[in-house]
Amino acid sequence: MGETLKFPTSPQAVEALLKNIGVDGIRYEEFFITSFDGDVLGLYDYLGEYENLDELNHLACLLSELPQSEIEKFEAALHMGAHTSSVADIINLAENLDCFEFYPEIESEEDLGRYFAEDLPIPAELKDYVDYESYGRDISTNENGHFSHGGYVVQTSDIEEIYHGTEDISKEHKIFALPQLSIREQMAAYKEVIDRFPPAANRAHSEPGREGR
């Protein structure tokens, strides 16, 4: 039985969802995420089934505060794949977008070459003879740039590790909590767990004796 959770979310929404799927610390204590979907291109490719909900919500909150131009830069930086080994890496990526330069709509080496050639004193009569593709390839190679979703991205400085772990998540962004069950709900949950297993007498009766082994 699965449920959908939309981020950013609230502790109340998480509690309700966990209660619906029986994760209450009595019936079940663990859960996993079967799939991801969202508006940030490529993000779900780097997320796994056992991600921490507080980290996912913290990341979602950070991304929700970015203007569309920064989201596009984040998507391009994400596509580079250099800082994507964990949600913590991706959080730090979102916190360090000033370490990247993003050039929208530059999607090929020729586009890149033409963009930077605009600053060169090339006589108008010679512009049609310039090998813009080779020029763009040299630029991309020299600065280790990357063509990505909707543009060209290059890292211009080292990423600072701002986020170290869940202890760095603000109280407002923390949302994980097991459901608070009433006494009656707790009793029903314990009964359900007990009913999964046969009584000890039945287990002993069903086990073959040493003579029959």
C-alpha atoms as a PDB file:
ATOM      1  CA  MET A   1       0.000   0.000   0.000  1.00  0.00           C
ATOM      2  CA  GLY A   2       1.555   3.276  -1.092  1.00  0.00           C
ATOM      3  CA  GLU A   3       0.878   6.948  -0.586  1.00  0.00           C
ATOM      4  CA  THR A   4       2.059  10.101  -2.351  1.00  0.00           C
ATOM      5  CA  LEU A   5       3.941  12.795  -0.441  1.00  0.00           C
ATOM      6  CA  LYS A   6       4.592  16.187  -2.005  1.00  0.00           C
ATOM      7  CA  PHE A   7       7.604  18.243  -0.886  1.00  0.00           C
ATOM      8  CA  PRO A   8       8.027  20.690   0.770  1.00  0.00           C
ATOM      9  CA  THR A   9       5.724  19.136   3.334  1.00  0.00           C
ATOM     10  CA  SER A  10       4.776  19.345   7.021  1.00  0.00           C
ATOM     11  CA  PRO A  11       5.121  17.072  10.070  1.00  0.00           C
ATOM     12  CA  GLN A  12       1.341  16.680  10.091  1.00  0.00           C
ATOM     13  CA  ALA A  13       1.295  15.427   6.497  1.00  0.00           C
ATOM     14  CA  VAL A  14       4.113  12.965   7.208  1.00  0.00           C
ATOM     15  CA  GLU A  15       2.410  11.624  10.328  1.00  0.00           C
ATOM     16  CA  ALA A  16      -0.854  11.131   8.434  1.00  0.00           C
ATOM     17  CA  LEU A  17       0.899   9.353   5.574  1.00  0.00           C
ATOM     18  CA  LEU A  18       2.876   7.038   7.862  1.00  0.00           C
ATOM     19  CA  LYS A  19      -0.267   6.214   9.818  1.00  0.00           C
ATOM     20  CA  ASN A  20      -2.061   5.324   6.578  1.00  0.00           C
ATOM     21  CA  ILE A  21       0.633   2.826   5.579  1.00  0.00           C
ATOM     22  CA  GLY A  22       0.990   1.355   9.069  1.00  0.00           C
ATOM     23  CA  VAL A  23       4.402   2.797   9.923  1.00  0.00           C
ATOM     24  CA  ASP A  24       3.721   3.694  13.540  1.00  0.00           C
ATOM     25  CA  GLY A  25       6.643   2.146  15.435  1.00  0.00           C
ATOM     26  CA  ILE A  26       4.492  -0.860  16.363  1.00  0.00           C
ATOM     27  CA  ARG A  27       3.172  -2.468  13.199  1.00  0.00           C
ATOM     28  CA  TYR A  28       6.133  -1.356  11.109  1.00  0.00           C
ATOM     29  CA  GLU A  29       9.137   0.865  11.728  1.00  0.00           C
ATOM     30  CA  GLU A  30      10.656   1.101   8.258  1.00  0.00           C
ATOM     31  CA  PHE A  31       9.446   2.338   4.900  1.00  0.00           C
ATOM     32  CA  PHE A  32      10.916   2.875   1.460  1.00  0.00           C
ATOM     33  CA  ILE A  33      10.250   5.208  -1.446  1.00  0.00           C
ATOM     34  CA  THR A  34       9.178   3.479  -4.636  1.00  0.00           C
ATOM     35  CA  SER A  35       9.474   6.406  -7.067  1.00  0.00           C
ATOM     36  CA  PHE A  36      10.155  10.119  -7.415  1.00  0.00           C
ATOM     37  CA  ASP A  37       8.669  12.737  -9.682  1.00  0.00           C
ATOM     38  CA  GLY A  38       9.039  16.484  -9.902  1.00  0.00           C
ATOM     39  CA  ASP A  39       9.620  19.616 -11.942  1.00  0.00           C
ATOM     40  CA  VAL A  40      13.414  19.727 -11.457  1.00  0.00           C
ATOM     41  CA  LEU A  41      14.869  17.896 -14.444  1.00  0.00           C
ATOM     42  CA  GLY A  42      17.035  14.907 -13.577  1.00  0.00           C
ATOM     43  CA  LEU A  43      16.858  15.265  -9.802  1.00  0.00           C
ATOM     44  CA  TYR A  44      15.032  11.989  -9.206  1.00  0.00           C
ATOM     45  CA  ASP A  45      17.785  10.095 -11.084  1.00  0.00           C
ATOM     46  CA  TYR A  46      20.053  10.660  -8.094  1.00  0.00           C
ATOM     47  CA  LEU A  47      17.609   9.735  -5.313  1.00  0.00           C
ATOM     48  CA  GLY A  48      17.215   6.308  -3.745  1.00  0.00           C
ATOM     49  CA  GLU A  49      14.493   4.362  -1.972  1.00  0.00           C
ATOM     50  CA  TYR A  50      15.824   4.876   1.563  1.00  0.00           C
ATOM     51  CA  GLU A  51      16.434   8.632   1.544  1.00  0.00           C
ATOM     52  CA  ASN A  52      15.981  10.638   4.733  1.00  0.00           C
ATOM     53  CA  LEU A  53      12.683  12.557   4.664  1.00  0.00           C
ATOM     54  CA  ASP A  54      14.123  15.512   6.586  1.00  0.00           C
ATOM     55  CA  GLU A  55      16.924  15.863   4.022  1.00  0.00           C
ATOM     56  CA  LEU A  56      14.490  15.607   1.127  1.00  0.00           C
ATOM     57  CA  ASN A  57      12.292  18.281   2.669  1.00  0.00           C
ATOM     58  CA  HIS A  58      15.286  20.538   3.375  1.00  0.00           C
ATOM     59  CA  LEU A  59      16.377  20.221  -0.255  1.00  0.00           C
ATOM     60  CA  ALA A  60      12.839  20.917  -1.470  1.00  0.00           C
ATOM     61  CA  CYS A  61      12.647  24.030   0.708  1.00  0.00           C
ATOM     62  CA  LEU A  62      15.953  25.325  -0.670  1.00  0.00           C
ATOM     63  CA  LEU A  63      14.853  24.751  -4.253  1.00  0.00           C
ATOM     64  CA  SER A  64      11.440  26.338  -3.670  1.00  0.00           C
ATOM     65  CA  GLU A  65      13.189  29.609  -2.776  1.00  0.00           C
ATOM     66  CA  LEU A  66      15.178  29.798  -6.032  1.00  0.00           C
ATOM     67  CA  PRO A  67      14.078  31.862  -9.047  1.00  0.00           C
ATOM     68  CA  GLN A  68      13.590  29.960 -12.301  1.00  0.00           C
ATOM     69  CA  SER A  69      16.964  31.102 -13.662  1.00  0.00           C
ATOM     70  CA  GLU A  70      18.723  29.526 -10.668  1.00  0.00           C
ATOM     71  CA  ILE A  71      16.653  26.351 -11.005  1.00  0.00           C
ATOM     72  CA  GLU A  72      17.897  26.051 -14.579  1.00  0.00           C
ATOM     73  CA  LYS A  73      21.476  26.537 -13.389  1.00  0.00           C
ATOM     74  CA  PHE A  74      20.917  23.888 -10.687  1.00  0.00           C
ATOM     75  CA  GLU A  75      19.560  21.434 -13.270  1.00  0.00           C
ATOM     76  CA  ALA A  76      22.615  21.985 -15.453  1.00  0.00           C
ATOM     77  CA  ALA A  77      25.049  21.639 -12.531  1.00  0.00           C
ATOM     78  CA  LEU A  78      23.200  18.515 -11.426  1.00  0.00           C
ATOM     79  CA  HIS A  79      23.556  17.047 -14.912  1.00  0.00           C
ATOM     80  CA  MET A  80      27.341  17.383 -14.613  1.00  0.00           C
ATOM     81  CA  GLY A  81      27.086  14.562 -12.045  1.00  0.00           C
ATOM     82  CA  ALA A  82      30.080  15.616  -9.962  1.00  0.00           C
ATOM     83  CA  HIS A  83      28.220  16.395  -6.724  1.00  0.00           C
ATOM     84  CA  THR A  84      25.389  13.907  -6.731  1.00  0.00           C
ATOM     85  CA  SER A  85      26.498  10.875  -4.704  1.00  0.00           C
ATOM     86  CA  SER A  86      24.048  11.636  -1.875  1.00  0.00           C
ATOM     87  CA  VAL A  87      21.260  14.009  -0.910  1.00  0.00           C
ATOM     88  CA  ALA A  88      23.839  15.831   1.235  1.00  0.00           C
ATOM     89  CA  ASP A  89      25.930  16.418  -1.905  1.00  0.00           C
ATOM     90  CA  ILE A  90      22.906  17.728  -3.767  1.00  0.00           C
ATOM     91  CA  ILE A  91      22.000  20.042  -0.885  1.00  0.00           C
ATOM     92  CA  ASN A  92      25.516  21.481  -0.976  1.00  0.00           C
ATOM     93  CA  LEU A  93      25.182  21.856  -4.735  1.00  0.00           C
ATOM     94  CA  ALA A  94      22.009  23.909  -4.239  1.00  0.00           C
ATOM     95  CA  GLU A  95      23.830  26.016  -1.622  1.00  0.00           C
ATOM     96  CA  ASN A  96      26.757  26.729  -3.980  1.00  0.00           C
ATOM     97  CA  LEU A  97      25.192  27.810  -7.251  1.00  0.00           C
ATOM     98  CA  ASP A  98      27.406  30.892  -7.246  1.00  0.00           C
ATOM     99  CA  CYS A  99      30.265  28.489  -8.032  1.00  0.00           C
ATOM    100  CA  PHE A 100      28.821  27.926 -11.513  1.00  0.00           C
ATOM    101  CA  GLU A 101      28.295  29.994 -14.632  1.00  0.00           C
ATOM    102  CA  PHE A 102      25.333  29.019 -16.777  1.00  0.00           C
ATOM    103  CA  TYR A 103      24.754  30.133 -20.369  1.00  0.00           C
ATOM    104  CA  PRO A 104      21.140  29.471 -21.396  1.00  0.00           C
ATOM    105  CA  GLU A 105      20.362  28.240 -24.916  1.00  0.00           C
ATOM    106  CA  ILE A 106      23.998  27.431 -25.701  1.00  0.00           C
ATOM    107  CA  GLU A 107      23.606  23.752 -26.543  1.00  0.00           C
ATOM    108  CA  SER A 108      26.521  22.958 -28.835  1.00  0.00           C
ATOM    109  CA  GLU A 109      30.191  23.686 -29.358  1.00  0.00           C
ATOM    110  CA  GLU A 110      29.296  25.878 -32.328  1.00  0.00           C
ATOM    111  CA  ASP A 111      26.874  27.897 -30.186  1.00  0.00           C
ATOM    112  CA  LEU A 112      29.592  28.320 -27.587  1.00  0.00           C
ATOM    113  CA  GLY A 113      32.163  29.376 -30.162  1.00  0.00           C
ATOM    114  CA  ARG A 114      29.829  31.970 -31.681  1.00  0.00           C
ATOM    115  CA  TYR A 115      28.927  33.344 -28.240  1.00  0.00           C
ATOM    116  CA  PHE A 116      32.535  34.006 -27.227  1.00  0.00           C
ATOM    117  CA  ALA A 117      33.581  35.106 -30.707  1.00  0.00           C
ATOM    118  CA  GLU A 118      31.296  38.112 -30.320  1.00  0.00           C
ATOM    119  CA  ASP A 119      33.952  39.656 -28.060  1.00  0.00           C
ATOM    120  CA  LEU A 120      36.733  39.100 -30.602  1.00  0.00           C
ATOM    121  CA  PRO A 121      37.752  41.794 -33.120  1.00  0.00           C
ATOM    122  CA  ILE A 122      36.882  39.669 -36.150  1.00  0.00           C
ATOM    123  CA  PRO A 123      36.319  41.703 -39.336  1.00  0.00           C
ATOM    124  CA  ALA A 124      32.786  41.285 -40.604  1.00  0.00           C
ATOM    125  CA  GLU A 125      33.987  39.926 -43.941  1.00  0.00           C
ATOM    126  CA  LEU A 126      35.856  37.079 -42.182  1.00  0.00           C
ATOM    127  CA  LYS A 127      33.168  35.925 -39.732  1.00  0.00           C
ATOM    128  CA  ASP A 128      31.774  33.334 -42.156  1.00  0.00           C
ATOM    129  CA  TYR A 129      35.183  31.669 -42.355  1.00  0.00           C
ATOM    130  CA  VAL A 130      35.684  31.122 -38.630  1.00  0.00           C
ATOM    131  CA  ASP A 131      35.431  27.528 -37.365  1.00  0.00           C
ATOM    132  CA  TYR A 132      33.158  28.301 -34.445  1.00  0.00           C
ATOM    133  CA  GLU A 133      32.690  24.641 -33.557  1.00  0.00           C
ATOM    134  CA  SER A 134      36.430  24.063 -33.052  1.00  0.00           C
ATOM    135  CA  TYR A 135      36.713  27.308 -31.122  1.00  0.00           C
ATOM    136  CA  GLY A 136      33.843  26.293 -28.864  1.00  0.00           C
ATOM    137  CA  ARG A 137      35.330  22.814 -28.394  1.00  0.00           C
ATOM    138  CA  ASP A 138      38.621  24.337 -27.246  1.00  0.00           C
ATOM    139  CA  ILE A 139      36.827  26.585 -24.757  1.00  0.00           C
ATOM    140  CA  SER A 140      34.755  23.710 -23.364  1.00  0.00           C
ATOM    141  CA  THR A 141      37.793  21.449 -23.051  1.00  0.00           C
ATOM    142  CA  ASN A 142      39.996  24.067 -21.412  1.00  0.00           C
ATOM    143  CA  GLU A 143      37.449  25.016 -18.745  1.00  0.00           C
ATOM    144  CA  ASN A 144      35.920  21.531 -18.378  1.00  0.00           C
ATOM    145  CA  GLY A 145      32.483  22.842 -19.327  1.00  0.00           C
ATOM    146  CA  HIS A 146      29.354  20.775 -19.841  1.00  0.00           C
ATOM    147  CA  PHE A 147      26.429  20.981 -22.244  1.00  0.00           C
ATOM    148  CA  SER A 148      23.249  20.242 -20.374  1.00  0.00           C
ATOM    149  CA  HIS A 149      19.532  20.917 -20.118  1.00  0.00           C
ATOM    150  CA  GLY A 150      18.902  24.125 -21.992  1.00  0.00           C
ATOM    151  CA  GLY A 151      22.430  25.483 -21.917  1.00  0.00           C
ATOM    152  CA  TYR A 152      26.121  25.303 -21.103  1.00  0.00           C
ATOM    153  CA  VAL A 153      27.497  25.203 -17.556  1.00  0.00           C
ATOM    154  CA  VAL A 154      30.996  25.536 -16.140  1.00  0.00           C
ATOM    155  CA  GLN A 155      32.211  25.333 -12.551  1.00  0.00           C
ATOM    156  CA  THR A 156      34.272  28.393 -11.698  1.00  0.00           C
ATOM    157  CA  SER A 157      35.229  27.711  -8.057  1.00  0.00           C
ATOM    158  CA  ASP A 158      35.285  24.952  -5.455  1.00  0.00           C
ATOM    159  CA  ILE A 159      32.088  23.953  -3.682  1.00  0.00           C
ATOM    160  CA  GLU A 160      32.025  24.751   0.032  1.00  0.00           C
ATOM    161  CA  GLU A 161      30.612  22.086   2.343  1.00  0.00           C
ATOM    162  CA  ILE A 162      27.891  24.120   4.027  1.00  0.00           C
ATOM    163  CA  TYR A 163      25.664  21.161   4.860  1.00  0.00           C
ATOM    164  CA  HIS A 164      27.263  18.362   6.921  1.00  0.00           C
ATOM    165  CA  GLY A 165      24.292  16.311   8.068  1.00  0.00           C
ATOM    166  CA  THR A 166      20.797  16.369   9.518  1.00  0.00           C
ATOM    167  CA  GLU A 167      22.047  18.390  12.491  1.00  0.00           C
ATOM    168  CA  ASP A 168      22.316  21.332  10.069  1.00  0.00           C
ATOM    169  CA  ILE A 169      18.643  21.187   9.113  1.00  0.00           C
ATOM    170  CA  SER A 170      16.599  23.954  10.696  1.00  0.00           C
ATOM    171  CA  LYS A 171      13.669  23.046  12.917  1.00  0.00           C
ATOM    172  CA  GLU A 172      11.282  24.520  10.350  1.00  0.00           C
ATOM    173  CA  HIS A 173      12.498  22.081   7.694  1.00  0.00           C
ATOM    174  CA  LYS A 174      12.395  18.929   9.853  1.00  0.00           C
ATOM    175  CA  ILE A 175       9.217  16.965   9.262  1.00  0.00           C
ATOM    176  CA  PHE A 176       9.770  13.306  10.202  1.00  0.00           C
ATOM    177  CA  ALA A 177       7.703  12.034  13.113  1.00  0.00           C
ATOM    178  CA  LEU A 178       5.950   8.742  13.789  1.00  0.00           C
ATOM    179  CA  PRO A 179       2.186   9.003  14.246  1.00  0.00           C
ATOM    180  CA  GLN A 180       0.913   9.698  17.759  1.00  0.00           C
ATOM    181  CA  LEU A 181      -1.501   6.836  18.481  1.00  0.00           C
ATOM    182  CA  SER A 182      -4.278   6.881  21.033  1.00  0.00           C
ATOM    183  CA  ILE A 183      -4.374   4.106  23.650  1.00  0.00           C
ATOM    184  CA  ARG A 184      -7.047   2.309  21.644  1.00  0.00           C
ATOM    185  CA  GLU A 185      -5.001   2.591  18.443  1.00  0.00           C
ATOM    186  CA  GLN A 186      -1.900   1.308  20.242  1.00  0.00           C
ATOM    187  CA  MET A 187      -3.819  -1.714  21.568  1.00  0.00           C
ATOM    188  CA  ALA A 188      -5.170  -2.458  18.079  1.00  0.00           C
ATOM    189  CA  ALA A 189      -1.669  -2.186  16.612  1.00  0.00           C
ATOM    190  CA  TYR A 190      -0.172  -4.547  19.203  1.00  0.00           C
ATOM    191  CA  LYS A 191      -3.021  -7.017  18.632  1.00  0.00           C
ATOM    192  CA  GLU A 192      -2.351  -6.944  14.894  1.00  0.00           C
ATOM    193  CA  VAL A 193       1.341  -7.703  15.488  1.00  0.00           C
ATOM    194  CA  ILE A 194       0.539 -10.529  17.912  1.00  0.00           C
ATOM    195  CA  ASP A 195      -2.002 -12.032  15.506  1.00  0.00           C
ATOM    196  CA  ARG A 196       0.676 -12.400  12.856  1.00  0.00           C
ATOM    197  CA  PHE A 197       2.332 -15.144  14.868  1.00  0.00           C
ATOM    198  CA  PRO A 198       0.738 -18.428  16.027  1.00  0.00           C
ATOM    199  CA  PRO A 199       0.579 -19.085  19.784  1.00  0.00           C
ATOM    200  CA  ALA A 200       3.618 -20.797  21.296  1.00  0.00           C
ATOM    201  CA  ALA A 201       1.636 -24.001  21.914  1.00  0.00           C
ATOM    202  CA  ASN A 202       0.667 -24.213  18.251  1.00  0.00           C
ATOM    203  CA  ARG A 203       4.259 -23.632  17.155  1.00  0.00           C
ATOM    204  CA  ALA A 204       5.504 -26.390  19.448  1.00  0.00           C
ATOM    205  CA  HIS A 205       2.791 -28.782  18.199  1.00  0.00           C
ATOM    206  CA  SER A 206       3.602 -28.087  14.566  1.00  0.00           C
ATOM    207  CA  GLU A 207       7.344 -28.689  15.006  1.00  0.00           C
ATOM    208  CA  PRO A 208       8.449 -32.307  14.401  1.00  0.00           C
ATOM    209  CA  GLY A 209       9.900 -34.154  17.387  1.00  0.00           C
ATOM    210  CA  ARG A 210      13.469 -35.249  17.474  1.00  0.00           C
ATOM    211  CA  GLU A 211      12.364 -38.797  16.663  1.00  0.00           C
ATOM    212  CA  GLY A 212      10.818 -37.652  13.422  1.00  0.00           C
ATOM    213  CA  ARG A 213      13.752 -35.563  12.308  1.00  0.00           C
END
